[in-house]
Amino acid sequence: MSIDEVLSECPNDNLVHFITNIETGLDIQMVIAPKLCMTMVQAEDSIDFQPFYLGEVLITECQLTVNGELGYGFCMGDAPQRAYSMAIIDAILHKPEHPLQTEIQLFLEKEKAILTKSRLEEYNQILKTKVDFKIMEQD
């Protein structure tokens, strides 16, 4: 699971709480405040494996600097706090040897474990509904 996937799927309250705790003492300069925009969604044809545009999707984007390092945040839907939080994390992770990198990595690992457990539970619930057609044929 990638960093982007964890940040996109973790509970917004957890992400905002984490960012609120670490942003004090950081020099954050807004380049582009969180705003809504549309972007094209690319997909791949399952037969010819040719890319095509499926349509447009609403996203929230944010661009800022943290102590001079540029960070970007993009997420689907109307989620300005998530985009802002993602931009801060992006900037810190791109700054070599930033003192908050370890704390961010621990947060990401914790959220990844929660998401993995949740996916496994969902998968196990889905498996309960699986039909074995070979058993049905024996009757």
N, C-alpha and C. Protein backbone atom coordinates (compact mmCIF):
# COMPACT_ATOMS: atom_id res chain seq x y z
N MET A 1 0.86 -1.17 0.00
CA MET A 1 0.00 0.00 0.00
C MET A 1 0.90 1.23 0.00
N SER A 2 0.68 2.13 -0.94
CA SER A 2 1.52 3.31 -1.10
C SER A 2 1.15 4.39 -0.06
N ILE A 3 2.03 5.36 0.07
CA ILE A 3 1.78 6.49 0.98
C ILE A 3 0.51 7.22 0.55
N ASP A 4 0.37 7.45 -0.75
CA ASP A 4 -0.82 8.15 -1.25
C ASP A 4 -2.09 7.40 -0.92
N GLU A 5 -2.05 6.09 -1.04
CA GLU A 5 -3.23 5.27 -0.75
C GLU A 5 -3.59 5.35 0.74
N VAL A 6 -2.59 5.29 1.59
CA VAL A 6 -2.84 5.39 3.03
C VAL A 6 -3.43 6.76 3.36
N LEU A 7 -2.84 7.82 2.83
CA LEU A 7 -3.32 9.17 3.12
C LEU A 7 -4.71 9.41 2.54
N SER A 8 -5.03 8.78 1.43
CA SER A 8 -6.34 8.97 0.80
C SER A 8 -7.44 8.20 1.52
N GLU A 9 -7.09 7.07 2.13
CA GLU A 9 -8.11 6.21 2.71
C GLU A 9 -8.18 6.24 4.24
N CYS A 10 -7.18 6.77 4.90
CA CYS A 10 -7.23 6.79 6.37
C CYS A 10 -8.33 7.76 6.82
N PRO A 11 -8.88 7.56 8.01
CA PRO A 11 -9.93 8.48 8.49
C PRO A 11 -9.43 9.92 8.54
N ASN A 12 -10.25 10.82 8.03
CA ASN A 12 -9.86 12.23 7.96
C ASN A 12 -9.56 12.80 9.34
N ASP A 13 -10.32 12.38 10.35
CA ASP A 13 -10.09 12.89 11.71
C ASP A 13 -8.69 12.53 12.20
N ASN A 14 -8.24 11.31 11.93
CA ASN A 14 -6.90 10.89 12.34
C ASN A 14 -5.84 11.74 11.67
N LEU A 15 -6.01 11.98 10.37
CA LEU A 15 -5.04 12.76 9.60
C LEU A 15 -4.99 14.21 10.08
N VAL A 16 -6.14 14.82 10.26
CA VAL A 16 -6.20 16.22 10.70
C VAL A 16 -5.63 16.36 12.11
N HIS A 17 -5.95 15.43 12.99
CA HIS A 17 -5.41 15.47 14.36
C HIS A 17 -3.89 15.37 14.34
N PHE A 18 -3.36 14.47 13.53
CA PHE A 18 -1.91 14.30 13.42
C PHE A 18 -1.25 15.58 12.90
N ILE A 19 -1.80 16.17 11.85
CA ILE A 19 -1.22 17.39 11.27
C ILE A 19 -1.31 18.55 12.24
N THR A 20 -2.41 18.65 12.97
CA THR A 20 -2.57 19.72 13.96
C THR A 20 -1.46 19.64 15.01
N ASN A 21 -1.08 18.42 15.38
CA ASN A 21 -0.04 18.24 16.39
C ASN A 21 1.36 18.57 15.87
N ILE A 22 1.62 18.35 14.58
CA ILE A 22 2.99 18.57 14.08
C ILE A 22 3.20 19.91 13.39
N GLU A 23 2.13 20.61 13.01
CA GLU A 23 2.32 21.83 12.23
C GLU A 23 2.80 23.03 13.04
N THR A 24 2.68 22.97 14.36
CA THR A 24 3.21 24.07 15.16
C THR A 24 4.73 24.08 15.04
N GLY A 25 5.27 25.23 14.83
CA GLY A 25 6.72 25.35 14.68
C GLY A 25 7.19 25.21 13.24
N LEU A 26 6.29 24.89 12.33
CA LEU A 26 6.66 24.80 10.92
C LEU A 26 6.33 26.11 10.22
N ASP A 27 7.17 26.51 9.29
CA ASP A 27 6.92 27.71 8.49
C ASP A 27 6.15 27.27 7.24
N ILE A 28 4.82 27.38 7.30
CA ILE A 28 3.97 26.93 6.21
C ILE A 28 3.50 28.15 5.42
N GLN A 29 3.82 28.15 4.14
CA GLN A 29 3.40 29.22 3.24
C GLN A 29 2.50 28.62 2.18
N MET A 30 1.28 29.14 2.07
CA MET A 30 0.33 28.63 1.10
C MET A 30 0.67 29.16 -0.29
N VAL A 31 0.82 28.26 -1.25
CA VAL A 31 1.05 28.64 -2.65
C VAL A 31 -0.31 28.64 -3.36
N ILE A 32 -1.02 27.53 -3.26
CA ILE A 32 -2.39 27.42 -3.76
C ILE A 32 -3.24 26.87 -2.62
N ALA A 33 -4.15 27.68 -2.10
CA ALA A 33 -5.03 27.23 -1.03
C ALA A 33 -5.89 26.08 -1.54
N PRO A 34 -6.34 25.19 -0.65
CA PRO A 34 -7.18 24.08 -1.10
C PRO A 34 -8.35 24.58 -1.94
N LYS A 35 -8.46 24.03 -3.15
CA LYS A 35 -9.55 24.44 -4.04
C LYS A 35 -10.04 23.25 -4.84
N LEU A 36 -11.29 23.35 -5.28
CA LEU A 36 -11.90 22.28 -6.07
C LEU A 36 -11.55 22.47 -7.54
N CYS A 37 -11.36 21.36 -8.22
CA CYS A 37 -11.15 21.38 -9.66
C CYS A 37 -11.56 20.03 -10.23
N MET A 38 -11.52 19.93 -11.52
CA MET A 38 -11.88 18.69 -12.21
C MET A 38 -10.63 18.17 -12.92
N THR A 39 -10.54 16.85 -12.99
CA THR A 39 -9.44 16.24 -13.73
C THR A 39 -9.98 15.01 -14.46
N MET A 40 -9.29 14.64 -15.52
CA MET A 40 -9.70 13.48 -16.31
C MET A 40 -9.20 12.20 -15.63
N VAL A 41 -10.03 11.16 -15.65
CA VAL A 41 -9.66 9.86 -15.09
C VAL A 41 -9.31 8.94 -16.26
N GLN A 42 -8.09 8.44 -16.23
CA GLN A 42 -7.64 7.55 -17.29
C GLN A 42 -7.86 6.10 -16.87
N ALA A 43 -8.30 5.28 -17.80
CA ALA A 43 -8.50 3.85 -17.56
C ALA A 43 -7.86 3.09 -18.72
N GLU A 44 -7.86 1.77 -18.60
CA GLU A 44 -7.26 0.94 -19.64
C GLU A 44 -8.28 -0.08 -20.12
N ASP A 45 -8.41 -0.17 -21.43
CA ASP A 45 -9.30 -1.15 -22.05
C ASP A 45 -8.80 -2.55 -21.69
N SER A 46 -9.69 -3.41 -21.20
CA SER A 46 -9.27 -4.74 -20.74
C SER A 46 -8.99 -5.71 -21.88
N ILE A 47 -9.38 -5.37 -23.09
CA ILE A 47 -9.14 -6.27 -24.23
C ILE A 47 -7.89 -5.85 -24.99
N ASP A 48 -7.85 -4.60 -25.42
CA ASP A 48 -6.71 -4.10 -26.21
C ASP A 48 -5.63 -3.46 -25.34
N PHE A 49 -5.90 -3.27 -24.07
CA PHE A 49 -4.97 -2.63 -23.13
C PHE A 49 -4.57 -1.23 -23.59
N GLN A 50 -5.50 -0.55 -24.23
CA GLN A 50 -5.29 0.81 -24.69
C GLN A 50 -5.84 1.79 -23.65
N PRO A 51 -5.10 2.83 -23.34
CA PRO A 51 -5.63 3.82 -22.38
C PRO A 51 -6.74 4.66 -23.02
N PHE A 52 -7.70 5.04 -22.20
CA PHE A 52 -8.76 5.94 -22.64
C PHE A 52 -9.21 6.75 -21.43
N TYR A 53 -9.91 7.86 -21.69
CA TYR A 53 -10.39 8.70 -20.61
C TYR A 53 -11.81 8.31 -20.25
N LEU A 54 -11.97 7.87 -19.02
CA LEU A 54 -13.25 7.40 -18.52
C LEU A 54 -14.22 8.55 -18.29
N GLY A 55 -13.70 9.68 -17.87
CA GLY A 55 -14.53 10.85 -17.59
C GLY A 55 -13.80 11.78 -16.64
N GLU A 56 -14.53 12.72 -16.09
CA GLU A 56 -13.95 13.68 -15.16
C GLU A 56 -14.33 13.33 -13.72
N VAL A 57 -13.46 13.74 -12.80
CA VAL A 57 -13.73 13.53 -11.38
C VAL A 57 -13.40 14.83 -10.64
N LEU A 58 -14.19 15.12 -9.62
CA LEU A 58 -13.96 16.28 -8.78
C LEU A 58 -12.83 15.98 -7.80
N ILE A 59 -11.84 16.87 -7.72
CA ILE A 59 -10.74 16.70 -6.76
C ILE A 59 -10.52 18.00 -6.01
N THR A 60 -9.83 17.88 -4.89
CA THR A 60 -9.36 19.05 -4.14
C THR A 60 -7.85 19.05 -4.25
N GLU A 61 -7.29 20.20 -4.59
CA GLU A 61 -5.84 20.32 -4.70
C GLU A 61 -5.33 21.40 -3.76
N CYS A 62 -4.09 21.24 -3.33
CA CYS A 62 -3.45 22.21 -2.45
C CYS A 62 -1.95 22.18 -2.73
N GLN A 63 -1.33 23.35 -2.71
CA GLN A 63 0.11 23.45 -2.89
C GLN A 63 0.64 24.43 -1.85
N LEU A 64 1.68 24.03 -1.14
CA LEU A 64 2.26 24.89 -0.10
C LEU A 64 3.74 24.59 0.07
N THR A 65 4.39 25.41 0.86
CA THR A 65 5.79 25.14 1.21
C THR A 65 5.88 24.98 2.71
N VAL A 66 6.73 24.05 3.12
CA VAL A 66 7.02 23.83 4.54
C VAL A 66 8.52 24.06 4.70
N ASN A 67 8.87 25.11 5.41
CA ASN A 67 10.28 25.49 5.58
C ASN A 67 11.01 25.54 4.24
N GLY A 68 10.32 26.07 3.21
CA GLY A 68 10.93 26.24 1.90
C GLY A 68 10.80 25.06 0.96
N GLU A 69 10.32 23.92 1.43
CA GLU A 69 10.17 22.73 0.58
C GLU A 69 8.73 22.65 0.07
N LEU A 70 8.59 22.51 -1.26
CA LEU A 70 7.28 22.49 -1.89
C LEU A 70 6.57 21.16 -1.67
N GLY A 71 5.28 21.23 -1.37
CA GLY A 71 4.48 20.03 -1.18
C GLY A 71 3.15 20.15 -1.90
N TYR A 72 2.67 19.02 -2.43
CA TYR A 72 1.40 18.97 -3.16
C TYR A 72 0.44 18.01 -2.46
N GLY A 73 -0.83 18.35 -2.48
CA GLY A 73 -1.86 17.47 -1.97
C GLY A 73 -3.04 17.43 -2.93
N PHE A 74 -3.42 16.23 -3.35
CA PHE A 74 -4.56 16.03 -4.24
C PHE A 74 -5.39 14.89 -3.68
N CYS A 75 -6.70 15.05 -3.67
CA CYS A 75 -7.57 13.95 -3.26
C CYS A 75 -8.91 14.08 -3.94
N MET A 76 -9.59 12.95 -4.09
CA MET A 76 -10.90 12.97 -4.73
C MET A 76 -11.94 13.59 -3.82
N GLY A 77 -12.86 14.33 -4.42
CA GLY A 77 -13.97 14.91 -3.69
C GLY A 77 -13.64 16.27 -3.08
N ASP A 78 -14.58 16.75 -2.30
CA ASP A 78 -14.43 18.04 -1.63
C ASP A 78 -13.84 17.79 -0.25
N ALA A 79 -12.51 17.82 -0.16
CA ALA A 79 -11.82 17.50 1.09
C ALA A 79 -10.62 18.43 1.30
N PRO A 80 -10.88 19.70 1.61
CA PRO A 80 -9.77 20.65 1.75
C PRO A 80 -8.80 20.31 2.88
N GLN A 81 -9.28 19.80 4.00
CA GLN A 81 -8.38 19.45 5.11
C GLN A 81 -7.45 18.30 4.72
N ARG A 82 -7.98 17.32 4.00
CA ARG A 82 -7.17 16.18 3.58
C ARG A 82 -6.10 16.64 2.58
N ALA A 83 -6.47 17.47 1.61
CA ALA A 83 -5.51 17.95 0.62
C ALA A 83 -4.40 18.78 1.30
N TYR A 84 -4.79 19.63 2.24
CA TYR A 84 -3.83 20.44 3.00
C TYR A 84 -2.87 19.54 3.79
N SER A 85 -3.42 18.55 4.46
CA SER A 85 -2.60 17.62 5.25
C SER A 85 -1.65 16.82 4.37
N MET A 86 -2.15 16.37 3.23
CA MET A 86 -1.31 15.61 2.30
C MET A 86 -0.16 16.48 1.77
N ALA A 87 -0.44 17.76 1.53
CA ALA A 87 0.61 18.66 1.03
C ALA A 87 1.71 18.87 2.08
N ILE A 88 1.32 19.00 3.33
CA ILE A 88 2.32 19.16 4.40
C ILE A 88 3.19 17.91 4.49
N ILE A 89 2.58 16.74 4.49
CA ILE A 89 3.34 15.49 4.58
C ILE A 89 4.24 15.33 3.37
N ASP A 90 3.74 15.68 2.19
CA ASP A 90 4.56 15.59 0.97
C ASP A 90 5.80 16.47 1.07
N ALA A 91 5.63 17.69 1.53
CA ALA A 91 6.77 18.61 1.65
C ALA A 91 7.80 18.09 2.66
N ILE A 92 7.33 17.60 3.79
CA ILE A 92 8.26 17.12 4.82
C ILE A 92 9.01 15.88 4.35
N LEU A 93 8.32 14.97 3.67
CA LEU A 93 8.97 13.74 3.21
C LEU A 93 9.98 14.00 2.08
N HIS A 94 9.83 15.12 1.38
CA HIS A 94 10.79 15.45 0.32
C HIS A 94 11.97 16.28 0.81
N LYS A 95 11.91 16.71 2.06
CA LYS A 95 13.02 17.48 2.65
C LYS A 95 13.99 16.48 3.27
N PRO A 96 15.20 16.39 2.75
CA PRO A 96 16.16 15.42 3.29
C PRO A 96 16.40 15.62 4.79
N GLU A 97 16.29 14.52 5.52
CA GLU A 97 16.58 14.48 6.96
C GLU A 97 15.76 15.47 7.79
N HIS A 98 14.50 15.68 7.42
CA HIS A 98 13.64 16.53 8.23
C HIS A 98 13.34 15.80 9.54
N PRO A 99 13.38 16.50 10.68
CA PRO A 99 13.20 15.83 11.98
C PRO A 99 11.83 15.17 12.16
N LEU A 100 10.81 15.56 11.40
CA LEU A 100 9.48 14.97 11.54
C LEU A 100 9.27 13.74 10.67
N GLN A 101 10.24 13.37 9.85
CA GLN A 101 10.05 12.23 8.95
C GLN A 101 9.77 10.93 9.71
N THR A 102 10.48 10.70 10.80
CA THR A 102 10.28 9.48 11.58
C THR A 102 8.87 9.43 12.16
N GLU A 103 8.41 10.57 12.69
CA GLU A 103 7.07 10.64 13.26
C GLU A 103 6.01 10.39 12.18
N ILE A 104 6.23 10.93 10.99
CA ILE A 104 5.29 10.72 9.88
C ILE A 104 5.30 9.26 9.46
N GLN A 105 6.46 8.65 9.37
CA GLN A 105 6.54 7.23 8.99
C GLN A 105 5.80 6.35 9.99
N LEU A 106 5.93 6.67 11.28
CA LEU A 106 5.21 5.89 12.31
C LEU A 106 3.70 6.05 12.16
N PHE A 107 3.25 7.28 11.89
CA PHE A 107 1.83 7.52 11.66
C PHE A 107 1.33 6.73 10.45
N LEU A 108 2.10 6.77 9.36
CA LEU A 108 1.71 6.06 8.14
C LEU A 108 1.65 4.55 8.37
N GLU A 109 2.61 4.01 9.10
CA GLU A 109 2.62 2.58 9.39
C GLU A 109 1.41 2.17 10.23
N LYS A 110 1.08 3.00 11.22
CA LYS A 110 -0.08 2.72 12.07
C LYS A 110 -1.37 2.74 11.25
N GLU A 111 -1.54 3.75 10.42
CA GLU A 111 -2.75 3.86 9.60
C GLU A 111 -2.80 2.74 8.56
N LYS A 112 -1.65 2.36 8.03
CA LYS A 112 -1.60 1.27 7.05
C LYS A 112 -2.05 -0.04 7.70
N ALA A 113 -1.62 -0.28 8.93
CA ALA A 113 -2.02 -1.50 9.65
C ALA A 113 -3.54 -1.51 9.89
N ILE A 114 -4.09 -0.36 10.24
CA ILE A 114 -5.55 -0.27 10.46
C ILE A 114 -6.30 -0.54 9.16
N LEU A 115 -5.83 0.06 8.06
CA LEU A 115 -6.49 -0.14 6.76
C LEU A 115 -6.37 -1.58 6.29
N THR A 116 -5.20 -2.20 6.49
CA THR A 116 -4.99 -3.59 6.09
C THR A 116 -5.91 -4.51 6.86
N LYS A 117 -6.04 -4.28 8.17
CA LYS A 117 -6.93 -5.09 8.99
C LYS A 117 -8.38 -4.92 8.54
N SER A 118 -8.77 -3.71 8.25
CA SER A 118 -10.13 -3.43 7.80
C SER A 118 -10.42 -4.12 6.46
N ARG A 119 -9.47 -4.07 5.55
CA ARG A 119 -9.64 -4.74 4.25
C ARG A 119 -9.75 -6.25 4.40
N LEU A 120 -8.94 -6.80 5.30
CA LEU A 120 -8.98 -8.24 5.54
C LEU A 120 -10.33 -8.65 6.12
N GLU A 121 -10.84 -7.87 7.06
CA GLU A 121 -12.15 -8.16 7.64
C GLU A 121 -13.25 -8.09 6.57
N GLU A 122 -13.16 -7.08 5.71
CA GLU A 122 -14.14 -6.96 4.63
C GLU A 122 -14.04 -8.14 3.67
N TYR A 123 -12.82 -8.54 3.34
CA TYR A 123 -12.61 -9.68 2.45
C TYR A 123 -13.20 -10.95 3.06
N ASN A 124 -12.97 -11.16 4.34
CA ASN A 124 -13.50 -12.34 5.01
C ASN A 124 -15.03 -12.33 5.04
N GLN A 125 -15.62 -11.16 5.18
CA GLN A 125 -17.09 -11.06 5.13
C GLN A 125 -17.60 -11.41 3.74
N ILE A 126 -16.90 -10.97 2.71
CA ILE A 126 -17.30 -11.26 1.33
C ILE A 126 -17.17 -12.75 1.05
N LEU A 127 -16.13 -13.38 1.58
CA LEU A 127 -15.93 -14.81 1.36
C LEU A 127 -17.10 -15.64 1.88
N LYS A 128 -17.78 -15.17 2.91
CA LYS A 128 -18.92 -15.90 3.48
C LYS A 128 -20.06 -16.00 2.47
N THR A 129 -20.11 -15.11 1.51
CA THR A 129 -21.20 -15.12 0.53
C THR A 129 -20.82 -15.87 -0.75
N LYS A 130 -19.61 -16.39 -0.80
CA LYS A 130 -19.14 -17.09 -2.00
C LYS A 130 -19.91 -18.40 -2.19
N VAL A 131 -20.31 -18.65 -3.42
CA VAL A 131 -21.07 -19.86 -3.75
C VAL A 131 -20.13 -20.85 -4.44
N ASP A 132 -20.17 -22.09 -3.98
CA ASP A 132 -19.38 -23.16 -4.62
C ASP A 132 -20.32 -23.93 -5.54
N PHE A 133 -20.23 -23.67 -6.84
CA PHE A 133 -21.16 -24.27 -7.79
C PHE A 133 -20.95 -25.77 -7.96
N LYS A 134 -19.77 -26.28 -7.65
CA LYS A 134 -19.53 -27.72 -7.74
C LYS A 134 -20.38 -28.47 -6.72
N ILE A 135 -20.53 -27.92 -5.55
CA ILE A 135 -21.37 -28.55 -4.52
C ILE A 135 -22.82 -28.50 -4.96
N MET A 136 -23.25 -27.44 -5.59
CA MET A 136 -24.63 -27.31 -6.05
C MET A 136 -24.94 -28.33 -7.15
N GLU A 137 -23.96 -28.67 -7.96
CA GLU A 137 -24.17 -29.64 -9.05
C GLU A 137 -24.38 -31.05 -8.55
N GLN A 138 -23.90 -31.39 -7.36
CA GLN A 138 -23.99 -32.74 -6.83
C GLN A 138 -25.43 -33.11 -6.45
N ASP A 139 -26.26 -32.18 -6.19
CA ASP A 139 -27.65 -32.48 -5.78
C ASP A 139 -28.50 -33.02 -6.90
